[in-house]
Amino acid sequence: MSKPDFAALRKRVEKAEKVADGYRAELYEAAVTEAMKSTVYGHVSAVARESGINVQHLRDLINKADPGWLAIASEERQAAKSKRKETA
């Protein structure tokens, strides 16, 4: 049995990691953009589920991209909920 070329294998792994990091960044950016399109209850969770990203991690990414957006979205949901109760 021949000895493995660890240096060549390590280079292949490092190259693959760089490619994967680029794809991961693209996925995260797309998920954040999609999640922030709506403040409807459950939308962020649905985007997280569809993209395969942990919901808390997606919330952290959203907060990093636009601090305060999650709080504003929550306020909008509460306002809409109050309005529905008033008309019922």
PDB file of N, CA and C in Angstrom:
ATOM      1  N   MET A   1       0.849  -1.185   0.000  1.00  0.00           N
ATOM      2  CA  MET A   1       0.000   0.000   0.000  1.00  0.00           C
ATOM      3  C   MET A   1       0.889   1.240   0.000  1.00  0.00           C
ATOM      4  N   SER A   2       0.546   2.199  -0.850  1.00  0.00           N
ATOM      5  CA  SER A   2       1.362   3.407  -0.952  1.00  0.00           C
ATOM      6  C   SER A   2       0.941   4.425   0.106  1.00  0.00           C
ATOM      7  N   LYS A   3       1.890   5.252   0.449  1.00  0.00           N
ATOM      8  CA  LYS A   3       1.655   6.295   1.449  1.00  0.00           C
ATOM      9  C   LYS A   3       0.831   7.415   0.810  1.00  0.00           C
ATOM     10  N   PRO A   4      -0.253   7.889   1.486  1.00  0.00           N
ATOM     11  CA  PRO A   4      -1.080   8.968   0.913  1.00  0.00           C
ATOM     12  C   PRO A   4      -0.301  10.279   0.858  1.00  0.00           C
ATOM     13  N   ASP A   5      -0.600  11.070  -0.139  1.00  0.00           N
ATOM     14  CA  ASP A   5       0.018  12.384  -0.294  1.00  0.00           C
ATOM     15  C   ASP A   5      -0.830  13.393   0.485  1.00  0.00           C
ATOM     16  N   PHE A   6      -0.473  13.560   1.755  1.00  0.00           N
ATOM     17  CA  PHE A   6      -1.269  14.422   2.634  1.00  0.00           C
ATOM     18  C   PHE A   6      -1.276  15.873   2.191  1.00  0.00           C
ATOM     19  N   ALA A   7      -0.174  16.359   1.664  1.00  0.00           N
ATOM     20  CA  ALA A   7      -0.111  17.756   1.220  1.00  0.00           C
ATOM     21  C   ALA A   7      -1.103  18.001   0.090  1.00  0.00           C
ATOM     22  N   ALA A   8      -1.175  17.095  -0.867  1.00  0.00           N
ATOM     23  CA  ALA A   8      -2.110  17.238  -1.988  1.00  0.00           C
ATOM     24  C   ALA A   8      -3.550  17.121  -1.508  1.00  0.00           C
ATOM     25  N   LEU A   9      -3.803  16.191  -0.606  1.00  0.00           N
ATOM     26  CA  LEU A   9      -5.155  16.038  -0.060  1.00  0.00           C
ATOM     27  C   LEU A   9      -5.571  17.290   0.710  1.00  0.00           C
ATOM     28  N   ARG A  10      -4.651  17.838   1.505  1.00  0.00           N
ATOM     29  CA  ARG A  10      -4.953  19.045   2.288  1.00  0.00           C
ATOM     30  C   ARG A  10      -5.279  20.211   1.350  1.00  0.00           C
ATOM     31  N   LYS A  11      -4.547  20.358   0.259  1.00  0.00           N
ATOM     32  CA  LYS A  11      -4.818  21.426  -0.709  1.00  0.00           C
ATOM     33  C   LYS A  11      -6.196  21.265  -1.332  1.00  0.00           C
ATOM     34  N   ARG A  12      -6.568  20.013  -1.656  1.00  0.00           N
ATOM     35  CA  ARG A  12      -7.901  19.760  -2.229  1.00  0.00           C
ATOM     36  C   ARG A  12      -8.992  20.132  -1.231  1.00  0.00           C
ATOM     37  N   VAL A  13      -8.767  19.784   0.029  1.00  0.00           N
ATOM     38  CA  VAL A  13      -9.751  20.097   1.068  1.00  0.00           C
ATOM     39  C   VAL A  13      -9.872  21.609   1.232  1.00  0.00           C
ATOM     40  N   GLU A  14      -8.755  22.312   1.269  1.00  0.00           N
ATOM     41  CA  GLU A  14      -8.788  23.768   1.426  1.00  0.00           C
ATOM     42  C   GLU A  14      -9.503  24.433   0.255  1.00  0.00           C
ATOM     43  N   LYS A  15      -9.274  23.936  -0.946  1.00  0.00           N
ATOM     44  CA  LYS A  15      -9.954  24.486  -2.120  1.00  0.00           C
ATOM     45  C   LYS A  15     -11.461  24.240  -2.041  1.00  0.00           C
ATOM     46  N   ALA A  16     -11.834  23.042  -1.635  1.00  0.00           N
ATOM     47  CA  ALA A  16     -13.257  22.702  -1.508  1.00  0.00           C
ATOM     48  C   ALA A  16     -13.922  23.556  -0.428  1.00  0.00           C
ATOM     49  N   GLU A  17     -13.196  23.817   0.662  1.00  0.00           N
ATOM     50  CA  GLU A  17     -13.749  24.652   1.729  1.00  0.00           C
ATOM     51  C   GLU A  17     -14.006  26.071   1.239  1.00  0.00           C
ATOM     52  N   LYS A  18     -13.102  26.611   0.432  1.00  0.00           N
ATOM     53  CA  LYS A  18     -13.297  27.960  -0.111  1.00  0.00           C
ATOM     54  C   LYS A  18     -14.537  28.018  -0.995  1.00  0.00           C
ATOM     55  N   VAL A  19     -14.708  26.997  -1.826  1.00  0.00           N
ATOM     56  CA  VAL A  19     -15.885  26.944  -2.697  1.00  0.00           C
ATOM     57  C   VAL A  19     -17.153  26.830  -1.848  1.00  0.00           C
ATOM     58  N   ALA A  20     -17.110  25.954  -0.847  1.00  0.00           N
ATOM     59  CA  ALA A  20     -18.271  25.767   0.031  1.00  0.00           C
ATOM     60  C   ALA A  20     -18.592  27.046   0.789  1.00  0.00           C
ATOM     61  N   ASP A  21     -17.572  27.763   1.243  1.00  0.00           N
ATOM     62  CA  ASP A  21     -17.806  29.026   1.953  1.00  0.00           C
ATOM     63  C   ASP A  21     -18.507  30.036   1.050  1.00  0.00           C
ATOM     64  N   GLY A  22     -18.119  30.069  -0.210  1.00  0.00           N
ATOM     65  CA  GLY A  22     -18.771  30.969  -1.159  1.00  0.00           C
ATOM     66  C   GLY A  22     -20.228  30.611  -1.363  1.00  0.00           C
ATOM     67  N   TYR A  23     -20.506  29.320  -1.511  1.00  0.00           N
ATOM     68  CA  TYR A  23     -21.896  28.871  -1.673  1.00  0.00           C
ATOM     69  C   TYR A  23     -22.704  29.155  -0.412  1.00  0.00           C
ATOM     70  N   ARG A  24     -22.092  28.946   0.755  1.00  0.00           N
ATOM     71  CA  ARG A  24     -22.785  29.179   2.027  1.00  0.00           C
ATOM     72  C   ARG A  24     -23.139  30.661   2.161  1.00  0.00           C
ATOM     73  N   ALA A  25     -22.214  31.532   1.811  1.00  0.00           N
ATOM     74  CA  ALA A  25     -22.476  32.976   1.881  1.00  0.00           C
ATOM     75  C   ALA A  25     -23.616  33.353   0.945  1.00  0.00           C
ATOM     76  N   GLU A  26     -23.629  32.752  -0.232  1.00  0.00           N
ATOM     77  CA  GLU A  26     -24.701  33.013  -1.199  1.00  0.00           C
ATOM     78  C   GLU A  26     -26.046  32.537  -0.660  1.00  0.00           C
ATOM     79  N   LEU A  27     -26.064  31.365  -0.054  1.00  0.00           N
ATOM     80  CA  LEU A  27     -27.283  30.818   0.549  1.00  0.00           C
ATOM     81  C   LEU A  27     -27.776  31.729   1.668  1.00  0.00           C
ATOM     82  N   TYR A  28     -26.866  32.153   2.546  1.00  0.00           N
ATOM     83  CA  TYR A  28     -27.251  33.013   3.659  1.00  0.00           C
ATOM     84  C   TYR A  28     -27.812  34.341   3.166  1.00  0.00           C
ATOM     85  N   GLU A  29     -27.169  34.923   2.181  1.00  0.00           N
ATOM     86  CA  GLU A  29     -27.633  36.208   1.647  1.00  0.00           C
ATOM     87  C   GLU A  29     -29.031  36.073   1.036  1.00  0.00           C
ATOM     88  N   ALA A  30     -29.232  35.008   0.278  1.00  0.00           N
ATOM     89  CA  ALA A  30     -30.539  34.782  -0.347  1.00  0.00           C
ATOM     90  C   ALA A  30     -31.612  34.535   0.714  1.00  0.00           C
ATOM     91  N   ALA A  31     -31.275  33.775   1.744  1.00  0.00           N
ATOM     92  CA  ALA A  31     -32.243  33.473   2.804  1.00  0.00           C
ATOM     93  C   ALA A  31     -32.616  34.733   3.578  1.00  0.00           C
ATOM     94  N   VAL A  32     -31.642  35.563   3.887  1.00  0.00           N
ATOM     95  CA  VAL A  32     -31.927  36.808   4.605  1.00  0.00           C
ATOM     96  C   VAL A  32     -32.820  37.709   3.763  1.00  0.00           C
ATOM     97  N   THR A  33     -32.491  37.846   2.493  1.00  0.00           N
ATOM     98  CA  THR A  33     -33.286  38.682   1.593  1.00  0.00           C
ATOM     99  C   THR A  33     -34.724  38.178   1.520  1.00  0.00           C
ATOM    100  N   GLU A  34     -34.886  36.868   1.357  1.00  0.00           N
ATOM    101  CA  GLU A  34     -36.223  36.284   1.259  1.00  0.00           C
ATOM    102  C   GLU A  34     -36.984  36.422   2.577  1.00  0.00           C
ATOM    103  N   ALA A  35     -36.322  36.185   3.685  1.00  0.00           N
ATOM    104  CA  ALA A  35     -36.981  36.262   4.994  1.00  0.00           C
ATOM    105  C   ALA A  35     -37.470  37.669   5.287  1.00  0.00           C
ATOM    106  N   MET A  36     -36.741  38.669   4.804  1.00  0.00           N
ATOM    107  CA  MET A  36     -37.102  40.050   5.099  1.00  0.00           C
ATOM    108  C   MET A  36     -38.141  40.617   4.140  1.00  0.00           C
ATOM    109  N   LYS A  37     -38.652  39.797   3.243  1.00  0.00           N
ATOM    110  CA  LYS A  37     -39.691  40.255   2.312  1.00  0.00           C
ATOM    111  C   LYS A  37     -41.064  40.336   2.960  1.00  0.00           C
ATOM    112  N   SER A  38     -41.234  39.668   4.095  1.00  0.00           N
ATOM    113  CA  SER A  38     -42.549  39.639   4.723  1.00  0.00           C
ATOM    114  C   SER A  38     -42.407  39.625   6.240  1.00  0.00           C
ATOM    115  N   THR A  39     -43.364  40.264   6.899  1.00  0.00           N
ATOM    116  CA  THR A  39     -43.388  40.249   8.363  1.00  0.00           C
ATOM    117  C   THR A  39     -44.489  39.310   8.883  1.00  0.00           C
ATOM    118  N   VAL A  40     -45.074  38.540   7.998  1.00  0.00           N
ATOM    119  CA  VAL A  40     -46.147  37.614   8.376  1.00  0.00           C
ATOM    120  C   VAL A  40     -45.599  36.578   9.357  1.00  0.00           C
ATOM    121  N   TYR A  41     -46.424  36.238  10.338  1.00  0.00           N
ATOM    122  CA  TYR A  41     -46.031  35.250  11.342  1.00  0.00           C
ATOM    123  C   TYR A  41     -45.619  33.936  10.670  1.00  0.00           C
ATOM    124  N   GLY A  42     -44.458  33.416  11.035  1.00  0.00           N
ATOM    125  CA  GLY A  42     -43.979  32.134  10.526  1.00  0.00           C
ATOM    126  C   GLY A  42     -43.152  32.217   9.257  1.00  0.00           C
ATOM    127  N   HIS A  43     -43.079  33.408   8.650  1.00  0.00           N
ATOM    128  CA  HIS A  43     -42.350  33.539   7.384  1.00  0.00           C
ATOM    129  C   HIS A  43     -40.854  33.259   7.556  1.00  0.00           C
ATOM    130  N   VAL A  44     -40.245  33.828   8.583  1.00  0.00           N
ATOM    131  CA  VAL A  44     -38.814  33.607   8.815  1.00  0.00           C
ATOM    132  C   VAL A  44     -38.552  32.128   9.077  1.00  0.00           C
ATOM    133  N   SER A  45     -39.397  31.498   9.857  1.00  0.00           N
ATOM    134  CA  SER A  45     -39.234  30.065  10.140  1.00  0.00           C
ATOM    135  C   SER A  45     -39.379  29.236   8.874  1.00  0.00           C
ATOM    136  N   ALA A  46     -40.317  29.602   8.021  1.00  0.00           N
ATOM    137  CA  ALA A  46     -40.519  28.868   6.768  1.00  0.00           C
ATOM    138  C   ALA A  46     -39.308  29.001   5.855  1.00  0.00           C
ATOM    139  N   VAL A  47     -38.735  30.190   5.777  1.00  0.00           N
ATOM    140  CA  VAL A  47     -37.535  30.396   4.955  1.00  0.00           C
ATOM    141  C   VAL A  47     -36.374  29.600   5.533  1.00  0.00           C
ATOM    142  N   ALA A  48     -36.242  29.607   6.844  1.00  0.00           N
ATOM    143  CA  ALA A  48     -35.174  28.837   7.489  1.00  0.00           C
ATOM    144  C   ALA A  48     -35.319  27.353   7.167  1.00  0.00           C
ATOM    145  N   ARG A  49     -36.519  26.857   7.287  1.00  0.00           N
ATOM    146  CA  ARG A  49     -36.781  25.442   7.016  1.00  0.00           C
ATOM    147  C   ARG A  49     -36.473  25.110   5.557  1.00  0.00           C
ATOM    148  N   GLU A  50     -36.939  25.946   4.647  1.00  0.00           N
ATOM    149  CA  GLU A  50     -36.747  25.696   3.221  1.00  0.00           C
ATOM    150  C   GLU A  50     -35.271  25.765   2.827  1.00  0.00           C
ATOM    151  N   SER A  51     -34.523  26.657   3.454  1.00  0.00           N
ATOM    152  CA  SER A  51     -33.114  26.823   3.099  1.00  0.00           C
ATOM    153  C   SER A  51     -32.195  25.891   3.876  1.00  0.00           C
ATOM    154  N   GLY A  52     -32.733  25.227   4.896  1.00  0.00           N
ATOM    155  CA  GLY A  52     -31.916  24.307   5.688  1.00  0.00           C
ATOM    156  C   GLY A  52     -31.033  25.013   6.705  1.00  0.00           C
ATOM    157  N   ILE A  53     -31.396  26.234   7.057  1.00  0.00           N
ATOM    158  CA  ILE A  53     -30.643  27.013   8.032  1.00  0.00           C
ATOM    159  C   ILE A  53     -31.404  26.982   9.350  1.00  0.00           C
ATOM    160  N   ASN A  54     -30.682  26.817  10.442  1.00  0.00           N
ATOM    161  CA  ASN A  54     -31.299  26.873  11.761  1.00  0.00           C
ATOM    162  C   ASN A  54     -31.985  28.223  11.925  1.00  0.00           C
ATOM    163  N   VAL A  55     -33.200  28.215  12.440  1.00  0.00           N
ATOM    164  CA  VAL A  55     -33.992  29.451  12.517  1.00  0.00           C
ATOM    165  C   VAL A  55     -33.304  30.512  13.366  1.00  0.00           C
ATOM    166  N   GLN A  56     -32.674  30.116  14.458  1.00  0.00           N
ATOM    167  CA  GLN A  56     -31.998  31.110  15.296  1.00  0.00           C
ATOM    168  C   GLN A  56     -30.802  31.708  14.557  1.00  0.00           C
ATOM    169  N   HIS A  57     -30.102  30.876  13.798  1.00  0.00           N
ATOM    170  CA  HIS A  57     -28.973  31.386  13.015  1.00  0.00           C
ATOM    171  C   HIS A  57     -29.465  32.379  11.964  1.00  0.00           C
ATOM    172  N   LEU A  58     -30.584  32.075  11.319  1.00  0.00           N
ATOM    173  CA  LEU A  58     -31.150  32.996  10.334  1.00  0.00           C
ATOM    174  C   LEU A  58     -31.559  34.300  11.001  1.00  0.00           C
ATOM    175  N   ARG A  59     -32.152  34.214  12.172  1.00  0.00           N
ATOM    176  CA  ARG A  59     -32.523  35.426  12.910  1.00  0.00           C
ATOM    177  C   ARG A  59     -31.280  36.259  13.239  1.00  0.00           C
ATOM    178  N   ASP A  60     -30.192  35.592  13.614  1.00  0.00           N
ATOM    179  CA  ASP A  60     -28.928  36.290  13.896  1.00  0.00           C
ATOM    180  C   ASP A  60     -28.401  36.978  12.635  1.00  0.00           C
ATOM    181  N   LEU A  61     -28.488  36.282  11.504  1.00  0.00           N
ATOM    182  CA  LEU A  61     -28.039  36.867  10.237  1.00  0.00           C
ATOM    183  C   LEU A  61     -28.880  38.085   9.862  1.00  0.00           C
ATOM    184  N   ILE A  62     -30.196  37.984  10.077  1.00  0.00           N
ATOM    185  CA  ILE A  62     -31.094  39.110   9.795  1.00  0.00           C
ATOM    186  C   ILE A  62     -30.740  40.285  10.695  1.00  0.00           C
ATOM    187  N   ASN A  63     -30.528  40.000  11.958  1.00  0.00           N
ATOM    188  CA  ASN A  63     -30.191  41.056  12.912  1.00  0.00           C
ATOM    189  C   ASN A  63     -28.867  41.720  12.548  1.00  0.00           C
ATOM    190  N   LYS A  64     -27.931  40.949  12.038  1.00  0.00           N
ATOM    191  CA  LYS A  64     -26.644  41.505  11.614  1.00  0.00           C
ATOM    192  C   LYS A  64     -26.825  42.386  10.372  1.00  0.00           C
ATOM    193  N   ALA A  65     -27.674  41.939   9.447  1.00  0.00           N
ATOM    194  CA  ALA A  65     -27.905  42.690   8.205  1.00  0.00           C
ATOM    195  C   ALA A  65     -28.702  43.967   8.453  1.00  0.00           C
ATOM    196  N   ASP A  66     -29.680  43.891   9.345  1.00  0.00           N
ATOM    197  CA  ASP A  66     -30.553  45.048   9.601  1.00  0.00           C
ATOM    198  C   ASP A  66     -30.991  45.019  11.064  1.00  0.00           C
ATOM    199  N   PRO A  67     -30.152  45.554  11.952  1.00  0.00           N
ATOM    200  CA  PRO A  67     -30.507  45.546  13.372  1.00  0.00           C
ATOM    201  C   PRO A  67     -31.865  46.217  13.599  1.00  0.00           C
ATOM    202  N   GLY A  68     -32.702  45.563  14.352  1.00  0.00           N
ATOM    203  CA  GLY A  68     -34.009  46.130  14.656  1.00  0.00           C
ATOM    204  C   GLY A  68     -35.126  45.648  13.754  1.00  0.00           C
ATOM    205  N   TRP A  69     -34.798  45.023  12.619  1.00  0.00           N
ATOM    206  CA  TRP A  69     -35.839  44.591  11.694  1.00  0.00           C
ATOM    207  C   TRP A  69     -36.758  43.570  12.352  1.00  0.00           C
ATOM    208  N   LEU A  70     -36.213  42.639  13.108  1.00  0.00           N
ATOM    209  CA  LEU A  70     -37.049  41.617  13.755  1.00  0.00           C
ATOM    210  C   LEU A  70     -38.027  42.256  14.738  1.00  0.00           C
ATOM    211  N   ALA A  71     -37.591  43.272  15.466  1.00  0.00           N
ATOM    212  CA  ALA A  71     -38.476  43.965  16.408  1.00  0.00           C
ATOM    213  C   ALA A  71     -39.586  44.704  15.664  1.00  0.00           C
ATOM    214  N   ILE A  72     -39.224  45.345  14.565  1.00  0.00           N
ATOM    215  CA  ILE A  72     -40.227  46.053  13.755  1.00  0.00           C
ATOM    216  C   ILE A  72     -41.238  45.056  13.184  1.00  0.00           C
ATOM    217  N   ALA A  73     -40.750  43.928  12.704  1.00  0.00           N
ATOM    218  CA  ALA A  73     -41.641  42.897  12.159  1.00  0.00           C
ATOM    219  C   ALA A  73     -42.598  42.394  13.236  1.00  0.00           C
ATOM    220  N   SER A  74     -42.089  42.216  14.435  1.00  0.00           N
ATOM    221  CA  SER A  74     -42.930  41.769  15.552  1.00  0.00           C
ATOM    222  C   SER A  74     -43.999  42.811  15.872  1.00  0.00           C
ATOM    223  N   GLU A  75     -43.621  44.070  15.881  1.00  0.00           N
ATOM    224  CA  GLU A  75     -44.590  45.144  16.135  1.00  0.00           C
ATOM    225  C   GLU A  75     -45.668  45.172  15.061  1.00  0.00           C
ATOM    226  N   GLU A  76     -45.276  44.988  13.807  1.00  0.00           N
ATOM    227  CA  GLU A  76     -46.260  44.967  12.720  1.00  0.00           C
ATOM    228  C   GLU A  76     -47.223  43.799  12.870  1.00  0.00           C
ATOM    229  N   ARG A  77     -46.709  42.642  13.270  1.00  0.00           N
ATOM    230  CA  ARG A  77     -47.589  41.477  13.476  1.00  0.00           C
ATOM    231  C   ARG A  77     -48.564  41.728  14.614  1.00  0.00           C
ATOM    232  N   GLN A  78     -48.068  42.329  15.696  1.00  0.00           N
ATOM    233  CA  GLN A  78     -48.938  42.619  16.843  1.00  0.00           C
ATOM    234  C   GLN A  78     -50.012  43.643  16.472  1.00  0.00           C
ATOM    235  N   ALA A  79     -49.635  44.642  15.689  1.00  0.00           N
ATOM    236  CA  ALA A  79     -50.603  45.650  15.245  1.00  0.00           C
ATOM    237  C   ALA A  79     -51.674  45.016  14.380  1.00  0.00           C
ATOM    238  N   ALA A  80     -51.268  44.142  13.471  1.00  0.00           N
ATOM    239  CA  ALA A  80     -52.229  43.471  12.593  1.00  0.00           C
ATOM    240  C   ALA A  80     -53.138  42.555  13.414  1.00  0.00           C
ATOM    241  N   LYS A  81     -52.574  41.918  14.415  1.00  0.00           N
ATOM    242  CA  LYS A  81     -53.365  41.031  15.275  1.00  0.00           C
ATOM    243  C   LYS A  81     -54.401  41.836  16.066  1.00  0.00           C
ATOM    244  N   SER A  82     -53.997  42.983  16.601  1.00  0.00           N
ATOM    245  CA  SER A  82     -54.911  43.849  17.339  1.00  0.00           C
ATOM    246  C   SER A  82     -56.024  44.360  16.445  1.00  0.00           C
ATOM    247  N   LYS A  83     -55.665  44.721  15.219  1.00  0.00           N
ATOM    248  CA  LYS A  83     -56.656  45.229  14.271  1.00  0.00           C
ATOM    249  C   LYS A  83     -57.691  44.148  13.936  1.00  0.00           C
ATOM    250  N   ARG A  84     -57.204  42.906  13.761  1.00  0.00           N
ATOM    251  CA  ARG A  84     -58.139  41.794  13.477  1.00  0.00           C
ATOM    252  C   ARG A  84     -59.094  41.587  14.637  1.00  0.00           C
ATOM    253  N   LYS A  85     -58.579  41.689  15.871  1.00  0.00           N
ATOM    254  CA  LYS A  85     -59.432  41.493  17.047  1.00  0.00           C
ATOM    255  C   LYS A  85     -60.481  42.594  17.161  1.00  0.00           C
ATOM    256  N   GLU A  86     -60.101  43.821  16.800  1.00  0.00           N
ATOM    257  CA  GLU A  86     -61.033  44.953  16.876  1.00  0.00           C
ATOM    258  C   GLU A  86     -62.186  44.803  15.884  1.00  0.00           C
ATOM    259  N   THR A  87     -61.893  44.267  14.703  1.00  0.00           N
ATOM    260  CA  THR A  87     -62.923  44.128  13.681  1.00  0.00           C
ATOM    261  C   THR A  87     -63.767  42.878  13.881  1.00  0.00           C
ATOM    262  N   ALA A  88     -63.306  41.986  14.728  1.00  0.00           N
ATOM    263  CA  ALA A  88     -64.062  40.733  14.954  1.00  0.00           C
ATOM    264  C   ALA A  88     -65.185  40.916  15.917  1.00  0.00           C
TER     265      ALA A  88
END
